[in-house]
Each structure stands twice: as C-alpha cells, then as structure tokens.
C-alpha atoms as a PDB file:
ATOM      1  CA  MET A   1       5.624  26.756  -0.985  1.00  0.00           C
ATOM      2  CA  LEU A   2       8.255  28.367   0.797  1.00  0.00           C
ATOM      3  CA  LEU A   3      12.088  28.066  -0.487  1.00  0.00           C
ATOM      4  CA  THR A   4      12.682  26.245   2.982  1.00  0.00           C
ATOM      5  CA  ASP A   5      10.056  23.608   2.161  1.00  0.00           C
ATOM      6  CA  LEU A   6      11.282  23.251  -1.231  1.00  0.00           C
ATOM      7  CA  LEU A   7      14.417  22.865  -0.159  1.00  0.00           C
ATOM      8  CA  ASP A   8      12.885  20.029   2.253  1.00  0.00           C
ATOM      9  CA  LEU A   9      11.450  17.848  -0.884  1.00  0.00           C
ATOM     10  CA  VAL A  10      14.441  18.365  -3.045  1.00  0.00           C
ATOM     11  CA  LEU A  11      17.473  17.860  -0.235  1.00  0.00           C
ATOM     12  CA  PRO A  12      15.886  16.261   2.392  1.00  0.00           C
ATOM     13  CA  ALA A  13      18.302  16.725   5.808  1.00  0.00           C
ATOM     14  CA  THR A  14      16.436  14.110   8.133  1.00  0.00           C
ATOM     15  CA  CYS A  15      16.010  10.677   8.071  1.00  0.00           C
ATOM     16  CA  ALA A  16      12.397  10.178   7.032  1.00  0.00           C
ATOM     17  CA  GLY A  17      12.140   7.201   9.769  1.00  0.00           C
ATOM     18  CA  CYS A  18      13.195   8.936  12.861  1.00  0.00           C
ATOM     19  CA  ASP A  19      14.128  12.407  12.549  1.00  0.00           C
ATOM     20  CA  GLU A  20      17.532  12.019  12.965  1.00  0.00           C
ATOM     21  CA  PRO A  21      20.337  13.739  10.525  1.00  0.00           C
ATOM     22  CA  ALA A  22      20.883  11.962   7.441  1.00  0.00           C
ATOM     23  CA  THR A  23      21.906  12.112   3.710  1.00  0.00           C
ATOM     24  CA  GLY A  24      19.676   9.961   2.032  1.00  0.00           C
ATOM     25  CA  PRO A  25      16.093   9.294   2.909  1.00  0.00           C
ATOM     26  CA  LEU A  26      16.541   7.028   5.619  1.00  0.00           C
ATOM     27  CA  CYS A  27      20.011   6.902   8.125  1.00  0.00           C
ATOM     28  CA  GLY A  28      21.694   3.566   8.700  1.00  0.00           C
ATOM     29  CA  PRO A  29      19.774   2.333  11.873  1.00  0.00           C
ATOM     30  CA  CYS A  30      16.714   2.580  10.622  1.00  0.00           C
ATOM     31  CA  ARG A  31      17.529   0.990   7.008  1.00  0.00           C
ATOM     32  CA  ALA A  32      19.094  -1.868   9.127  1.00  0.00           C
ATOM     33  CA  ALA A  33      16.184  -2.285  11.005  1.00  0.00           C
ATOM     34  CA  LEU A  34      13.747  -2.265   8.364  1.00  0.00           C
ATOM     35  CA  ALA A  35      16.059  -4.631   6.540  1.00  0.00           C
ATOM     36  CA  ALA A  36      15.633  -7.153   9.068  1.00  0.00           C
ATOM     37  CA  VAL A  37      11.613  -7.036   9.840  1.00  0.00           C
ATOM     38  CA  ARG A  38       9.993  -9.984   8.350  1.00  0.00           C
ATOM     39  CA  PRO A  39       6.946 -10.040   6.670  1.00  0.00           C
ATOM     40  CA  GLY A  40       4.056 -12.211   7.916  1.00  0.00           C
ATOM     41  CA  ARG A  41       0.160 -13.031   8.161  1.00  0.00           C
ATOM     42  CA  THR A  42      -1.937 -10.615   9.406  1.00  0.00           C
ATOM     43  CA  ARG A  43      -5.672 -10.000   9.582  1.00  0.00           C
ATOM     44  CA  PRO A  44      -8.165  -7.835  12.068  1.00  0.00           C
ATOM     45  CA  VAL A  45     -10.631  -8.337  14.586  1.00  0.00           C
ATOM     46  CA  PRO A  46     -12.991  -9.038  13.337  1.00  0.00           C
ATOM     47  CA  ALA A  47     -12.375  -9.329  10.109  1.00  0.00           C
ATOM     48  CA  PRO A  48     -14.539  -8.603   7.179  1.00  0.00           C
ATOM     49  CA  PRO A  49     -16.089 -11.009   5.176  1.00  0.00           C
ATOM     50  CA  GLY A  50     -14.369 -11.721   1.855  1.00  0.00           C
ATOM     51  CA  LEU A  51     -11.074 -10.440   3.063  1.00  0.00           C
ATOM     52  CA  PRO A  52      -7.985 -12.243   1.130  1.00  0.00           C
ATOM     53  CA  PRO A  53      -5.228 -13.646   3.418  1.00  0.00           C
ATOM     54  CA  VAL A  54      -3.547 -10.535   4.464  1.00  0.00           C
ATOM     55  CA  PHE A  55       0.505 -10.180   4.898  1.00  0.00           C
ATOM     56  CA  ALA A  56       1.703  -7.064   6.168  1.00  0.00           C
ATOM     57  CA  LEU A  57       5.479  -5.645   6.676  1.00  0.00           C
ATOM     58  CA  ALA A  58       4.952  -4.903  10.228  1.00  0.00           C
ATOM     59  CA  ALA A  59       2.798  -2.771  13.032  1.00  0.00           C
ATOM     60  CA  TYR A  60       1.734   0.712  11.821  1.00  0.00           C
ATOM     61  CA  ALA A  61       4.050   2.151  14.583  1.00  0.00           C
ATOM     62  CA  GLY A  62       7.359   3.633  15.122  1.00  0.00           C
ATOM     63  CA  SER A  63      10.014   4.603  12.039  1.00  0.00           C
ATOM     64  CA  LEU A  64       7.211   2.610   9.711  1.00  0.00           C
ATOM     65  CA  ARG A  65       4.701   4.920  10.542  1.00  0.00           C
ATOM     66  CA  ARG A  66       6.479   7.816  10.667  1.00  0.00           C
ATOM     67  CA  MET A  67       7.768   7.440   6.679  1.00  0.00           C
ATOM     68  CA  LEU A  68       4.460   6.740   5.133  1.00  0.00           C
ATOM     69  CA  ILE A  69       2.945   9.877   7.183  1.00  0.00           C
ATOM     70  CA  GLN A  70       6.292  11.546   6.048  1.00  0.00           C
ATOM     71  CA  TYR A  71       5.786  10.137   2.247  1.00  0.00           C
ATOM     72  CA  LYS A  72       1.781  10.676   1.958  1.00  0.00           C
ATOM     73  CA  GLU A  73       1.594  14.244   4.099  1.00  0.00           C
ATOM     74  CA  ARG A  74       5.058  15.420   3.222  1.00  0.00           C
ATOM     75  CA  ASN A  75       5.044  14.136  -0.336  1.00  0.00           C
ATOM     76  CA  ARG A  76       8.898  12.994   0.591  1.00  0.00           C
ATOM     77  CA  HIS A  77       8.611  11.092  -2.876  1.00  0.00           C
ATOM     78  CA  GLU A  78      12.554   9.936  -2.643  1.00  0.00           C
ATOM     79  CA  LEU A  79      10.909   7.361  -0.348  1.00  0.00           C
ATOM     80  CA  THR A  80       8.963   5.836  -3.322  1.00  0.00           C
ATOM     81  CA  PRO A  81      11.608   3.232  -4.323  1.00  0.00           C
ATOM     82  CA  VAL A  82      12.911   2.259  -0.890  1.00  0.00           C
ATOM     83  CA  LEU A  83       8.880   1.608   0.288  1.00  0.00           C
ATOM     84  CA  GLY A  84       8.427  -0.337  -3.142  1.00  0.00           C
ATOM     85  CA  GLY A  85      11.360  -2.239  -2.528  1.00  0.00           C
ATOM     86  CA  LEU A  86       9.590  -3.070   0.806  1.00  0.00           C
ATOM     87  CA  LEU A  87       6.415  -3.957  -0.440  1.00  0.00           C
ATOM     88  CA  ALA A  88       7.970  -6.365  -3.138  1.00  0.00           C
ATOM     89  CA  LYS A  89       9.356  -8.105   0.295  1.00  0.00           C
ATOM     90  CA  VAL A  90       5.956  -8.373   1.393  1.00  0.00           C
ATOM     91  CA  VAL A  91       4.444  -9.773  -2.139  1.00  0.00           C
ATOM     92  CA  ALA A  92       7.079 -12.041  -1.787  1.00  0.00           C
ATOM     93  CA  ALA A  93       6.235 -13.027   1.646  1.00  0.00           C
ATOM     94  CA  ALA A  94       2.915 -13.768   0.518  1.00  0.00           C
ATOM     95  CA  THR A  95       3.228 -15.753  -2.604  1.00  0.00           C
ATOM     96  CA  PRO A  96       6.293 -18.584  -1.401  1.00  0.00           C
ATOM     97  CA  ASP A  97       4.965 -21.265  -4.184  1.00  0.00           C
ATOM     98  CA  LEU A  98       4.564 -18.532  -7.226  1.00  0.00           C
ATOM     99  CA  ARG A  99       4.369 -19.772 -10.407  1.00  0.00           C
ATOM    100  CA  GLY A 100       4.031 -18.039 -13.493  1.00  0.00           C
ATOM    101  CA  SER A 101       2.783 -14.077 -13.706  1.00  0.00           C
ATOM    102  CA  LEU A 102       2.129 -12.105 -10.819  1.00  0.00           C
ATOM    103  CA  THR A 103      -0.272  -8.906 -11.026  1.00  0.00           C
ATOM    104  CA  LEU A 104      -0.234  -6.276  -8.296  1.00  0.00           C
ATOM    105  CA  VAL A 105      -3.601  -4.073  -8.155  1.00  0.00           C
ATOM    106  CA  PRO A 106      -3.134  -1.113  -5.888  1.00  0.00           C
ATOM    107  CA  VAL A 107      -6.024  -0.075  -3.951  1.00  0.00           C
ATOM    108  CA  PRO A 108      -6.450   3.972  -5.587  1.00  0.00           C
ATOM    109  CA  ALA A 109      -6.674   7.007  -4.109  1.00  0.00           C
ATOM    110  CA  THR A 110      -9.535   9.149  -4.566  1.00  0.00           C
ATOM    111  CA  THR A 111      -8.755  12.159  -7.411  1.00  0.00           C
ATOM    112  CA  ALA A 112      -8.877  14.294  -4.416  1.00  0.00           C
ATOM    113  CA  ALA A 113      -5.624  12.864  -2.383  1.00  0.00           C
ATOM    114  CA  ALA A 114      -3.585  12.314  -5.711  1.00  0.00           C
ATOM    115  CA  ARG A 115      -4.174  15.854  -6.806  1.00  0.00           C
ATOM    116  CA  ARG A 116      -3.057  16.788  -3.233  1.00  0.00           C
ATOM    117  CA  ARG A 117       0.323  14.222  -3.534  1.00  0.00           C
ATOM    118  CA  TYR A 118       1.098  14.902  -6.790  1.00  0.00           C
ATOM    119  CA  GLY A 119      -0.339  11.491  -8.005  1.00  0.00           C
ATOM    120  CA  ASP A 120      -1.357   8.467  -6.689  1.00  0.00           C
ATOM    121  CA  HIS A 121       1.147   7.256  -3.730  1.00  0.00           C
ATOM    122  CA  ILE A 122       0.233   3.826  -4.369  1.00  0.00           C
ATOM    123  CA  ASP A 123       0.453   3.665  -8.003  1.00  0.00           C
ATOM    124  CA  ARG A 124       4.057   4.292  -7.185  1.00  0.00           C
ATOM    125  CA  ILE A 125       4.824   2.420  -4.836  1.00  0.00           C
ATOM    126  CA  ALA A 126       3.601  -0.661  -6.677  1.00  0.00           C
ATOM    127  CA  GLN A 127       5.109   0.012  -9.473  1.00  0.00           C
ATOM    128  CA  HIS A 128       8.240   0.188  -7.822  1.00  0.00           C
ATOM    129  CA  ALA A 129       7.724  -3.019  -6.155  1.00  0.00           C
ATOM    130  CA  ALA A 130       7.017  -4.839  -9.579  1.00  0.00           C
ATOM    131  CA  GLY A 131      10.331  -3.635 -10.743  1.00  0.00           C
ATOM    132  CA  ALA A 132      12.089  -4.780  -8.104  1.00  0.00           C
ATOM    133  CA  LEU A 133      10.089  -8.530  -8.168  1.00  0.00           C
ATOM    134  CA  ARG A 134      11.007  -8.528 -11.920  1.00  0.00           C
ATOM    135  CA  ARG A 135      14.686  -7.797 -10.826  1.00  0.00           C
ATOM    136  CA  ARG A 136      14.588 -11.078  -8.758  1.00  0.00           C
ATOM    137  CA  GLY A 137      13.393 -12.853 -11.961  1.00  0.00           C
ATOM    138  CA  VAL A 138       9.296 -12.840 -11.236  1.00  0.00           C
ATOM    139  CA  GLN A 139       7.235 -11.895 -14.101  1.00  0.00           C
ATOM    140  CA  ALA A 140       5.263  -8.793 -12.319  1.00  0.00           C
ATOM    141  CA  GLY A 141       3.341  -6.055 -13.106  1.00  0.00           C
ATOM    142  CA  VAL A 142       0.704  -3.810 -12.596  1.00  0.00           C
ATOM    143  CA  ALA A 143      -2.936  -3.241 -12.692  1.00  0.00           C
ATOM    144  CA  GLY A 144      -5.384  -0.051 -12.534  1.00  0.00           C
ATOM    145  CA  LEU A 145      -8.309  -2.141 -12.295  1.00  0.00           C
ATOM    146  CA  LEU A 146      -9.804   0.051  -9.639  1.00  0.00           C
ATOM    147  CA  ARG A 147     -11.161   3.609  -9.678  1.00  0.00           C
ATOM    148  CA  ALA A 148     -11.917   5.535  -6.372  1.00  0.00           C
ATOM    149  CA  LEU A 149     -15.247   7.323  -6.444  1.00  0.00           C
ATOM    150  CA  PRO A 150     -15.605  10.566  -4.557  1.00  0.00           C
ATOM    151  CA  LYS A 151     -16.110  10.413  -0.761  1.00  0.00           C
ATOM    152  CA  ARG A 152     -19.393  10.823   0.522  1.00  0.00           C
ATOM    153  CA  GLU A 153     -18.670  11.579   3.792  1.00  0.00           C
ATOM    154  CA  ASP A 154     -15.835  11.676   6.851  1.00  0.00           C
ATOM    155  CA  SER A 155     -14.884   7.649   7.682  1.00  0.00           C
ATOM    156  CA  ALA A 156     -13.774   9.568  11.258  1.00  0.00           C
ATOM    157  CA  GLU A 157     -17.115  10.037  11.931  1.00  0.00           C
ATOM    158  CA  LEU A 158     -18.694   6.976  10.920  1.00  0.00           C
ATOM    159  CA  SER A 159     -19.144   3.669  12.880  1.00  0.00           C
ATOM    160  CA  ALA A 160     -17.505   0.117  11.796  1.00  0.00           C
ATOM    161  CA  ALA A 161     -20.584  -1.200  10.035  1.00  0.00           C
ATOM    162  CA  GLU A 162     -21.158   2.594   8.418  1.00  0.00           C
ATOM    163  CA  ARG A 163     -17.391   2.688   7.294  1.00  0.00           C
ATOM    164  CA  ALA A 164     -18.010  -1.150   5.832  1.00  0.00           C
ATOM    165  CA  ARG A 165     -21.100  -0.095   3.705  1.00  0.00           C
ATOM    166  CA  ALA A 166     -19.379   3.149   2.312  1.00  0.00           C
ATOM    167  CA  ALA A 167     -16.155   0.745   1.805  1.00  0.00           C
ATOM    168  CA  GLY A 168     -18.623  -0.901  -0.523  1.00  0.00           C
ATOM    169  CA  GLN A 169     -19.688   2.434  -2.822  1.00  0.00           C
ATOM    170  CA  ALA A 170     -15.863   3.677  -2.950  1.00  0.00           C
ATOM    171  CA  PHE A 171     -14.540   1.905  -6.090  1.00  0.00           C
ATOM    172  CA  ALA A 172     -15.638   0.899  -9.584  1.00  0.00           C
ATOM    173  CA  VAL A 173     -13.923  -1.481 -11.787  1.00  0.00           C
ATOM    174  CA  ARG A 174     -12.004   0.094 -14.303  1.00  0.00           C
ATOM    175  CA  GLY A 175     -11.970  -1.199 -18.215  1.00  0.00           C
ATOM    176  CA  ARG A 176     -12.605  -4.970 -18.798  1.00  0.00           C
ATOM    177  CA  ARG A 177      -8.938  -6.427 -18.774  1.00  0.00           C
ATOM    178  CA  VAL A 178      -8.985 -10.004 -16.917  1.00  0.00           C
ATOM    179  CA  PRO A 179      -5.282 -10.537 -15.428  1.00  0.00           C
ATOM    180  CA  VAL A 180      -3.829 -13.924 -15.563  1.00  0.00           C
ATOM    181  CA  GLY A 181      -1.671 -15.533 -13.328  1.00  0.00           C
ATOM    182  CA  THR A 182      -1.747 -14.400  -8.915  1.00  0.00           C
ATOM    183  CA  VAL A 183      -3.663 -11.180  -8.421  1.00  0.00           C
ATOM    184  CA  VAL A 184      -2.288  -9.435  -5.508  1.00  0.00           C
ATOM    185  CA  LEU A 185      -4.522  -6.181  -3.991  1.00  0.00           C
ATOM    186  CA  VAL A 186      -2.098  -3.991  -2.744  1.00  0.00           C
ATOM    187  CA  ASP A 187      -2.344  -0.833  -0.086  1.00  0.00           C
ATOM    188  CA  ASP A 188      -0.034   0.704   2.207  1.00  0.00           C
ATOM    189  CA  ILE A 189      -2.328  -0.104   5.761  1.00  0.00           C
ATOM    190  CA  ILE A 190      -4.772  -2.199   6.866  1.00  0.00           C
ATOM    191  CA  THR A 191      -7.295  -0.845   9.541  1.00  0.00           C
ATOM    192  CA  THR A 192     -10.404  -2.862   9.715  1.00  0.00           C
ATOM    193  CA  GLY A 193      -9.767  -4.105   6.562  1.00  0.00           C
ATOM    194  CA  SER A 194     -13.510  -2.925   4.967  1.00  0.00           C
ATOM    195  CA  THR A 195     -11.515  -1.161   1.927  1.00  0.00           C
ATOM    196  CA  LEU A 196      -9.691  -4.325   0.988  1.00  0.00           C
ATOM    197  CA  ALA A 197     -12.964  -6.229   1.376  1.00  0.00           C
ATOM    198  CA  ALA A 198     -15.089  -3.966  -0.929  1.00  0.00           C
ATOM    199  CA  SER A 199     -12.301  -3.746  -3.454  1.00  0.00           C
ATOM    200  CA  THR A 200     -11.736  -7.643  -3.985  1.00  0.00           C
ATOM    201  CA  ALA A 201     -15.761  -7.826  -4.006  1.00  0.00           C
ATOM    202  CA  ARG A 202     -15.434  -5.165  -6.314  1.00  0.00           C
ATOM    203  CA  LEU A 203     -12.989  -7.211  -8.107  1.00  0.00           C
ATOM    204  CA  ALA A 204     -15.004 -10.323  -8.296  1.00  0.00           C
ATOM    205  CA  ALA A 205     -17.814  -9.088  -9.696  1.00  0.00           C
ATOM    206  CA  ALA A 206     -15.942  -8.475 -12.571  1.00  0.00           C
ATOM    207  CA  GLY A 207     -14.110 -11.781 -12.836  1.00  0.00           C
ATOM    208  CA  VAL A 208     -11.077 -11.071 -11.280  1.00  0.00           C
ATOM    209  CA  ARG A 209     -10.226 -12.761  -8.083  1.00  0.00           C
ATOM    210  CA  VAL A 210      -7.881 -11.598  -5.382  1.00  0.00           C
ATOM    211  CA  ASP A 211      -5.584 -14.013  -4.285  1.00  0.00           C
ATOM    212  CA  ARG A 212      -3.436 -11.856  -1.505  1.00  0.00           C
ATOM    213  CA  VAL A 213      -3.364  -8.826  -0.181  1.00  0.00           C
ATOM    214  CA  ALA A 214      -0.459  -7.245   0.692  1.00  0.00           C
ATOM    215  CA  VAL A 215       0.116  -3.954   2.446  1.00  0.00           C
ATOM    216  CA  LEU A 216       3.355  -2.459   4.804  1.00  0.00           C
ATOM    217  CA  ALA A 217       1.342  -1.846   7.994  1.00  0.00           C
ATOM    218  CA  ALA A 218      -1.083  -3.167  10.253  1.00  0.00           C
ATOM    219  CA  THR A 219      -2.936  -1.240  12.772  1.00  0.00           C
ATOM    220  CA  GLN A 220      -3.959  -4.649  14.397  1.00  0.00           C
ATOM    221  CA  ARG A 221      -2.206  -6.911  16.034  1.00  0.00           C
ATOM    222  CA  GLN A 222      -0.434  -9.774  13.555  1.00  0.00           C
ATOM    223  CA  ALA A 223      -2.253 -13.454  13.392  1.00  0.00           C
END
C-alpha cells in the first residue's frame, strides 16, 4: 500500500458521499441529506418466494451508493458508525411495534471478501446498529447464525434463476442457537432478493424465523 493510500485511510480528506473536502467521513450537506431520509418498504420485482417484508433506507444511488462503495472497496472503516446508525434507523422503521428483545442476523461475507475488506463489513455495521438501538432503550443484539460457503460461480454471468439456485447453496447455519424475540436479517444492498430469501430459508430450516429484513440500499424501485 502506498503512503498516500494509507494516509487516505487514516485521515481522509474528502467526503465519502460526494468527494468534496471534509474534515470527517461526510461533509455537512451529505450528513444533512442522510439525516432527512426516511426508510420505507421495498420489494424486488419479481420477488423470490419466501422473502420477508424488506425495509430500506433509500435507493442504491447518489451519495449512499458512493458511501457503500467507499466503505467496502476503499476500506473506509471510519464510515462504520455512520452506516451503523443509518441501519439502526431502518431496523427501527421495520419494527415500530417491537415488544421485547431484537436480534440482528447479518448476511455474512465470504472468507475471501472478509479478508479483502479486513473483516466482515456487514457484521461491523450490524454491531454498531445494535449499539445505537440499545442507546435508544431497545434490547438489541447481533447473532452470527450464518456462515458463507465459498462461491463456485461468478454471479454476474448467471441468469436470475441460476442466481437464485446459487444463493440457495451459498450459506450454512452456524451452531444451534435459536434467538428469542424479533429477528431481523440485515444486509447492505438488496437487488433480486435471492440472497436474502435463501438466508431466510436456511434459518427457517434451523428453527429461526426471520420477521423482517433491513438493508441500507435497494437497487429496485420502492413499493
């Protein structure tokens, strides 16, 4: 890694949302714009069978899209608390009548992706989201119930039906812990919904019911 790249990671000089100069992860306008966003229901068209109700912060576009790319591909880990707070807002919108405890189950990254990103990026966000929810008085925790299996094919070359079949073989359940309370499956982006539906099915087979799905961004139009 070049010294300039290292300095960008430690002391980023630009906003992750718009590339304008900033003293923190985001500039003032981007922070304000994200604070004003209200999460809502979203659903891919067509939706895969077994997909629970899905809530997203916003469309996968603009500053949010850039933030996620910067976070995942440029390893801008200083965005973790920001994205965790945004995910907490989505979870709260997905569970407005929550009574009791809440368990966030991250969709796991593959070993190769976690190695490339210096850790599982969704688990990091989920941990911060749970912390933000606890500070609001919600009994929230994170359970790593899923394990990602090595990918056998490049999903970019697959049809929608082939991607759905591949997603069904992409995860295994880790351990036999069955969380109590409301279970929310969390991820960064929803596209076709195949991964989220497959994760839900794997958990259901192990006796874990997913009540809601919360994501930061949706590539499909919101319903």
